[in-house]
Amino acid sequence: MADEDCVFCRIAMHQSPAQIEYEDENFIVFHDINPSAPIHLLIIPKTHFSWQDDLSHQSKILGRIFQIAPKMAEKMEIKDTGYKLIMNCGRGAGQIIEHFNVHLIGGWQPGTVRKLP
């Protein structure tokens, strides 16, 4: 189910622009508009739910994210050099959009300062 007030839902429905790197029936992966790393993608389920929801019934969705992430890291040519997967859970942790998402970030050169989202 989509939330028409949610920008991530609108991206998933192709009603808002995004630089999409991957999409299937249940997920979409796109570039963060305010990147904190040379490579900064967002992996989101097309179904709207937030981190506050009971995620125990979402185990297939959560597992699928961890299958998509290494494929995206390989596509972005950072799988071998390393990347981070980050979930911000709530505004106090930096979550801006209340739609469950995972940040895939990386692409820094060795020795550079790494700013987290």
N, C-alpha and C. Protein backbone atom coordinates (compact mmCIF):
# COMPACT_ATOMS: atom_id res chain seq x y z
N MET A 1 0.84 -1.17 0.00
CA MET A 1 0.00 0.00 0.00
C MET A 1 0.89 1.25 0.00
N ALA A 2 0.54 2.22 -0.78
CA ALA A 2 1.30 3.46 -0.90
C ALA A 2 0.66 4.56 -0.08
N ASP A 3 1.48 5.51 0.32
CA ASP A 3 1.02 6.70 1.02
C ASP A 3 1.27 7.87 0.08
N GLU A 4 0.21 8.47 -0.43
CA GLU A 4 0.35 9.52 -1.44
C GLU A 4 1.08 10.76 -0.93
N ASP A 5 1.18 10.93 0.39
CA ASP A 5 1.92 12.05 0.97
C ASP A 5 3.41 11.76 1.10
N CYS A 6 3.82 10.53 0.84
CA CYS A 6 5.21 10.10 1.03
C CYS A 6 5.98 10.24 -0.29
N VAL A 7 7.07 10.99 -0.26
CA VAL A 7 7.87 11.19 -1.48
C VAL A 7 8.46 9.87 -1.98
N PHE A 8 8.84 8.96 -1.08
CA PHE A 8 9.38 7.68 -1.52
C PHE A 8 8.31 6.84 -2.22
N CYS A 9 7.09 6.89 -1.73
CA CYS A 9 6.00 6.19 -2.41
C CYS A 9 5.77 6.78 -3.80
N ARG A 10 5.84 8.11 -3.89
CA ARG A 10 5.65 8.76 -5.20
C ARG A 10 6.78 8.37 -6.15
N ILE A 11 8.01 8.25 -5.65
CA ILE A 11 9.13 7.79 -6.49
C ILE A 11 8.85 6.36 -6.95
N ALA A 12 8.42 5.51 -6.03
CA ALA A 12 8.14 4.11 -6.37
C ALA A 12 7.04 3.98 -7.42
N MET A 13 6.10 4.94 -7.41
CA MET A 13 5.00 4.93 -8.39
C MET A 13 5.35 5.76 -9.64
N HIS A 14 6.59 6.23 -9.72
CA HIS A 14 7.06 7.06 -10.84
C HIS A 14 6.27 8.35 -10.99
N GLN A 15 5.86 8.90 -9.86
CA GLN A 15 5.15 10.18 -9.86
C GLN A 15 6.06 11.33 -9.43
N SER A 16 7.24 11.02 -8.92
CA SER A 16 8.26 12.01 -8.58
C SER A 16 9.57 11.56 -9.23
N PRO A 17 10.40 12.51 -9.66
CA PRO A 17 11.63 12.12 -10.34
C PRO A 17 12.68 11.54 -9.39
N ALA A 18 13.47 10.64 -9.94
CA ALA A 18 14.60 10.06 -9.20
C ALA A 18 15.52 9.41 -10.23
N GLN A 19 16.80 9.34 -9.86
CA GLN A 19 17.76 8.63 -10.69
C GLN A 19 17.77 7.17 -10.24
N ILE A 20 17.01 6.35 -10.92
CA ILE A 20 16.78 4.97 -10.53
C ILE A 20 17.89 4.07 -11.06
N GLU A 21 18.40 3.21 -10.20
CA GLU A 21 19.44 2.25 -10.57
C GLU A 21 18.92 0.82 -10.67
N TYR A 22 17.81 0.54 -9.99
CA TYR A 22 17.26 -0.82 -9.99
C TYR A 22 15.79 -0.74 -9.60
N GLU A 23 15.02 -1.65 -10.17
CA GLU A 23 13.62 -1.74 -9.79
C GLU A 23 13.12 -3.14 -10.11
N ASP A 24 12.32 -3.67 -9.20
CA ASP A 24 11.60 -4.90 -9.47
C ASP A 24 10.18 -4.71 -8.94
N GLU A 25 9.44 -5.78 -8.82
CA GLU A 25 8.04 -5.69 -8.42
C GLU A 25 7.86 -5.09 -7.02
N ASN A 26 8.83 -5.34 -6.13
CA ASN A 26 8.68 -4.94 -4.73
C ASN A 26 9.64 -3.88 -4.23
N PHE A 27 10.69 -3.57 -5.00
CA PHE A 27 11.74 -2.65 -4.54
C PHE A 27 12.13 -1.67 -5.61
N ILE A 28 12.68 -0.56 -5.15
CA ILE A 28 13.28 0.41 -6.06
C ILE A 28 14.53 0.96 -5.37
N VAL A 29 15.56 1.18 -6.16
CA VAL A 29 16.83 1.71 -5.67
C VAL A 29 17.16 2.95 -6.48
N PHE A 30 17.46 4.04 -5.77
CA PHE A 30 17.72 5.29 -6.46
C PHE A 30 18.76 6.10 -5.70
N HIS A 31 19.32 7.09 -6.37
CA HIS A 31 20.35 7.95 -5.78
C HIS A 31 19.73 8.93 -4.80
N ASP A 32 20.40 9.09 -3.66
CA ASP A 32 19.98 10.09 -2.67
C ASP A 32 20.21 11.48 -3.25
N ILE A 33 19.25 12.39 -3.07
CA ILE A 33 19.40 13.74 -3.64
C ILE A 33 20.35 14.59 -2.82
N ASN A 34 20.71 14.14 -1.62
CA ASN A 34 21.66 14.86 -0.77
C ASN A 34 22.73 13.86 -0.32
N PRO A 35 23.59 13.42 -1.24
CA PRO A 35 24.52 12.32 -0.92
C PRO A 35 25.56 12.71 0.14
N SER A 36 25.89 11.73 0.97
CA SER A 36 26.93 11.92 1.98
C SER A 36 28.17 11.10 1.64
N ALA A 37 28.23 10.58 0.42
CA ALA A 37 29.37 9.79 -0.05
C ALA A 37 29.37 9.85 -1.57
N PRO A 38 30.50 9.50 -2.20
CA PRO A 38 30.52 9.49 -3.67
C PRO A 38 29.42 8.61 -4.27
N ILE A 39 29.12 7.48 -3.62
CA ILE A 39 28.00 6.62 -4.00
C ILE A 39 27.04 6.62 -2.82
N HIS A 40 25.81 7.02 -3.06
CA HIS A 40 24.81 7.04 -1.98
C HIS A 40 23.45 6.69 -2.59
N LEU A 41 23.07 5.44 -2.40
CA LEU A 41 21.80 4.94 -2.91
C LEU A 41 20.83 4.69 -1.77
N LEU A 42 19.55 4.74 -2.08
CA LEU A 42 18.51 4.36 -1.14
C LEU A 42 17.81 3.12 -1.69
N ILE A 43 17.69 2.11 -0.85
CA ILE A 43 16.98 0.88 -1.19
C ILE A 43 15.68 0.92 -0.40
N ILE A 44 14.55 0.93 -1.12
CA ILE A 44 13.27 1.00 -0.42
C ILE A 44 12.31 -0.06 -0.94
N PRO A 45 11.48 -0.58 -0.03
CA PRO A 45 10.36 -1.40 -0.50
C PRO A 45 9.30 -0.48 -1.09
N LYS A 46 8.59 -0.96 -2.08
CA LYS A 46 7.51 -0.15 -2.66
C LYS A 46 6.32 -0.06 -1.72
N THR A 47 6.18 -1.02 -0.83
CA THR A 47 5.14 -0.98 0.18
C THR A 47 5.55 0.00 1.27
N HIS A 48 4.64 0.89 1.62
CA HIS A 48 4.95 1.89 2.64
C HIS A 48 4.82 1.30 4.04
N PHE A 49 5.90 1.34 4.79
CA PHE A 49 5.88 1.09 6.22
C PHE A 49 7.07 1.81 6.82
N SER A 50 7.00 2.06 8.10
CA SER A 50 8.08 2.80 8.74
C SER A 50 8.80 1.91 9.74
N TRP A 51 9.92 2.41 10.25
CA TRP A 51 10.70 1.64 11.21
C TRP A 51 9.92 1.42 12.50
N GLN A 52 8.94 2.29 12.81
CA GLN A 52 8.16 2.14 14.03
C GLN A 52 7.20 0.97 13.95
N ASP A 53 6.87 0.55 12.74
CA ASP A 53 5.94 -0.56 12.56
C ASP A 53 6.59 -1.85 13.05
N ASP A 54 5.77 -2.83 13.35
CA ASP A 54 6.27 -4.15 13.71
C ASP A 54 6.89 -4.77 12.46
N LEU A 55 8.21 -4.90 12.46
CA LEU A 55 8.90 -5.41 11.27
C LEU A 55 8.99 -6.94 11.24
N SER A 56 8.52 -7.61 12.29
CA SER A 56 8.66 -9.07 12.32
C SER A 56 7.94 -9.74 11.15
N HIS A 57 6.85 -9.16 10.68
CA HIS A 57 6.14 -9.73 9.54
C HIS A 57 6.77 -9.31 8.20
N GLN A 58 7.82 -8.52 8.26
CA GLN A 58 8.49 -8.04 7.05
C GLN A 58 9.82 -8.75 6.80
N SER A 59 10.00 -9.94 7.36
CA SER A 59 11.29 -10.62 7.25
C SER A 59 11.70 -10.89 5.81
N LYS A 60 10.77 -11.19 4.93
CA LYS A 60 11.11 -11.42 3.52
C LYS A 60 11.61 -10.13 2.88
N ILE A 61 10.96 -9.01 3.21
CA ILE A 61 11.39 -7.72 2.67
C ILE A 61 12.78 -7.37 3.17
N LEU A 62 13.00 -7.55 4.47
CA LEU A 62 14.30 -7.23 5.03
C LEU A 62 15.39 -8.12 4.42
N GLY A 63 15.09 -9.40 4.27
CA GLY A 63 16.05 -10.32 3.67
C GLY A 63 16.36 -9.95 2.22
N ARG A 64 15.36 -9.54 1.49
CA ARG A 64 15.55 -9.16 0.08
C ARG A 64 16.45 -7.93 -0.05
N ILE A 65 16.34 -6.99 0.89
CA ILE A 65 17.22 -5.82 0.86
C ILE A 65 18.68 -6.26 0.93
N PHE A 66 18.96 -7.26 1.76
CA PHE A 66 20.34 -7.72 1.89
C PHE A 66 20.79 -8.60 0.73
N GLN A 67 19.88 -8.96 -0.17
CA GLN A 67 20.26 -9.58 -1.43
C GLN A 67 20.51 -8.51 -2.49
N ILE A 68 19.71 -7.46 -2.47
CA ILE A 68 19.85 -6.38 -3.46
C ILE A 68 21.11 -5.57 -3.22
N ALA A 69 21.44 -5.31 -1.96
CA ALA A 69 22.57 -4.42 -1.63
C ALA A 69 23.89 -4.84 -2.29
N PRO A 70 24.34 -6.09 -2.17
CA PRO A 70 25.62 -6.42 -2.80
C PRO A 70 25.58 -6.35 -4.33
N LYS A 71 24.42 -6.61 -4.91
CA LYS A 71 24.29 -6.48 -6.37
C LYS A 71 24.42 -5.02 -6.78
N MET A 72 23.84 -4.11 -5.98
CA MET A 72 23.96 -2.68 -6.29
C MET A 72 25.40 -2.21 -6.06
N ALA A 73 26.04 -2.70 -5.01
CA ALA A 73 27.43 -2.34 -4.75
C ALA A 73 28.32 -2.81 -5.91
N GLU A 74 28.04 -3.98 -6.43
CA GLU A 74 28.80 -4.47 -7.58
C GLU A 74 28.54 -3.60 -8.81
N LYS A 75 27.29 -3.26 -9.05
CA LYS A 75 26.94 -2.40 -10.19
C LYS A 75 27.63 -1.05 -10.10
N MET A 76 27.73 -0.51 -8.88
CA MET A 76 28.33 0.81 -8.67
C MET A 76 29.86 0.71 -8.52
N GLU A 77 30.40 -0.51 -8.66
CA GLU A 77 31.84 -0.78 -8.61
C GLU A 77 32.47 -0.45 -7.26
N ILE A 78 31.73 -0.74 -6.17
CA ILE A 78 32.29 -0.54 -4.83
C ILE A 78 32.21 -1.81 -3.98
N LYS A 79 31.77 -2.90 -4.56
CA LYS A 79 31.63 -4.13 -3.78
C LYS A 79 32.97 -4.59 -3.22
N ASP A 80 34.02 -4.53 -4.02
CA ASP A 80 35.33 -5.01 -3.58
C ASP A 80 36.06 -4.03 -2.67
N THR A 81 35.77 -2.74 -2.79
CA THR A 81 36.46 -1.75 -1.97
C THR A 81 35.74 -1.46 -0.66
N GLY A 82 34.47 -1.81 -0.59
CA GLY A 82 33.71 -1.68 0.65
C GLY A 82 32.60 -0.66 0.57
N TYR A 83 31.57 -0.90 1.36
CA TYR A 83 30.41 -0.02 1.41
C TYR A 83 29.74 -0.20 2.76
N LYS A 84 28.83 0.73 3.08
CA LYS A 84 28.08 0.67 4.33
C LYS A 84 26.59 0.56 4.02
N LEU A 85 25.88 -0.16 4.88
CA LEU A 85 24.43 -0.20 4.85
C LEU A 85 23.97 0.43 6.15
N ILE A 86 23.14 1.46 6.04
CA ILE A 86 22.71 2.21 7.22
C ILE A 86 21.20 2.35 7.23
N MET A 87 20.61 2.11 8.39
CA MET A 87 19.19 2.36 8.60
C MET A 87 19.10 3.44 9.69
N ASN A 88 18.47 4.55 9.37
CA ASN A 88 18.20 5.59 10.35
C ASN A 88 16.79 5.36 10.88
N CYS A 89 16.66 5.14 12.17
CA CYS A 89 15.37 4.79 12.77
C CYS A 89 14.86 5.96 13.60
N GLY A 90 14.13 6.86 12.97
CA GLY A 90 13.54 7.99 13.65
C GLY A 90 14.28 9.29 13.40
N ARG A 91 13.60 10.39 13.63
CA ARG A 91 14.17 11.72 13.39
C ARG A 91 15.43 11.97 14.19
N GLY A 92 15.48 11.46 15.41
CA GLY A 92 16.66 11.64 16.25
C GLY A 92 17.90 10.96 15.68
N ALA A 93 17.70 10.02 14.78
CA ALA A 93 18.82 9.32 14.14
C ALA A 93 19.10 9.86 12.74
N GLY A 94 18.33 10.87 12.33
CA GLY A 94 18.55 11.46 11.02
C GLY A 94 17.57 11.04 9.94
N GLN A 95 16.57 10.24 10.30
CA GLN A 95 15.58 9.84 9.30
C GLN A 95 14.68 11.02 8.97
N ILE A 96 14.59 11.35 7.70
CA ILE A 96 13.79 12.49 7.26
C ILE A 96 12.44 12.02 6.71
N ILE A 97 12.46 10.97 5.90
CA ILE A 97 11.25 10.43 5.28
C ILE A 97 10.82 9.19 6.08
N GLU A 98 9.59 9.15 6.53
CA GLU A 98 9.13 8.03 7.34
C GLU A 98 8.62 6.88 6.46
N HIS A 99 9.53 6.39 5.63
CA HIS A 99 9.29 5.22 4.78
C HIS A 99 10.54 4.38 4.96
N PHE A 100 10.37 3.14 5.35
CA PHE A 100 11.54 2.30 5.64
C PHE A 100 12.51 2.32 4.47
N ASN A 101 13.78 2.53 4.76
CA ASN A 101 14.81 2.56 3.71
C ASN A 101 16.15 2.18 4.28
N VAL A 102 17.02 1.76 3.39
CA VAL A 102 18.40 1.44 3.75
C VAL A 102 19.31 2.25 2.83
N HIS A 103 20.27 2.94 3.43
CA HIS A 103 21.26 3.69 2.67
C HIS A 103 22.41 2.76 2.32
N LEU A 104 22.81 2.74 1.07
CA LEU A 104 24.02 2.04 0.63
C LEU A 104 25.00 3.14 0.25
N ILE A 105 26.08 3.26 1.02
CA ILE A 105 27.04 4.33 0.77
C ILE A 105 28.45 3.79 0.68
N GLY A 106 29.26 4.45 -0.13
CA GLY A 106 30.65 4.06 -0.30
C GLY A 106 31.29 4.87 -1.42
N GLY A 107 32.41 4.37 -1.88
CA GLY A 107 33.10 5.01 -2.99
C GLY A 107 34.16 6.01 -2.59
N TRP A 108 34.47 6.08 -1.30
CA TRP A 108 35.52 7.00 -0.86
C TRP A 108 36.89 6.48 -1.28
N GLN A 109 37.80 7.40 -1.46
CA GLN A 109 39.19 7.03 -1.68
C GLN A 109 39.82 6.72 -0.32
N PRO A 110 40.76 5.79 -0.23
CA PRO A 110 41.40 5.49 1.06
C PRO A 110 41.97 6.76 1.69
N GLY A 111 41.74 6.90 3.00
CA GLY A 111 42.28 8.03 3.74
C GLY A 111 41.40 9.27 3.74
N THR A 112 40.23 9.22 3.10
CA THR A 112 39.37 10.41 3.08
C THR A 112 38.41 10.38 4.28
N VAL A 113 37.91 11.53 4.65
CA VAL A 113 36.96 11.65 5.75
C VAL A 113 35.61 11.14 5.29
N ARG A 114 34.99 10.36 6.11
CA ARG A 114 33.70 9.77 5.76
C ARG A 114 32.60 10.41 6.60
N LYS A 115 31.68 11.09 5.96
CA LYS A 115 30.53 11.71 6.63
C LYS A 115 29.35 10.76 6.52
N LEU A 116 28.74 10.43 7.64
CA LEU A 116 27.59 9.54 7.62
C LEU A 116 26.31 10.31 7.37
N PRO A 117 25.32 9.62 6.77
CA PRO A 117 24.04 10.29 6.52
C PRO A 117 23.29 10.54 7.83
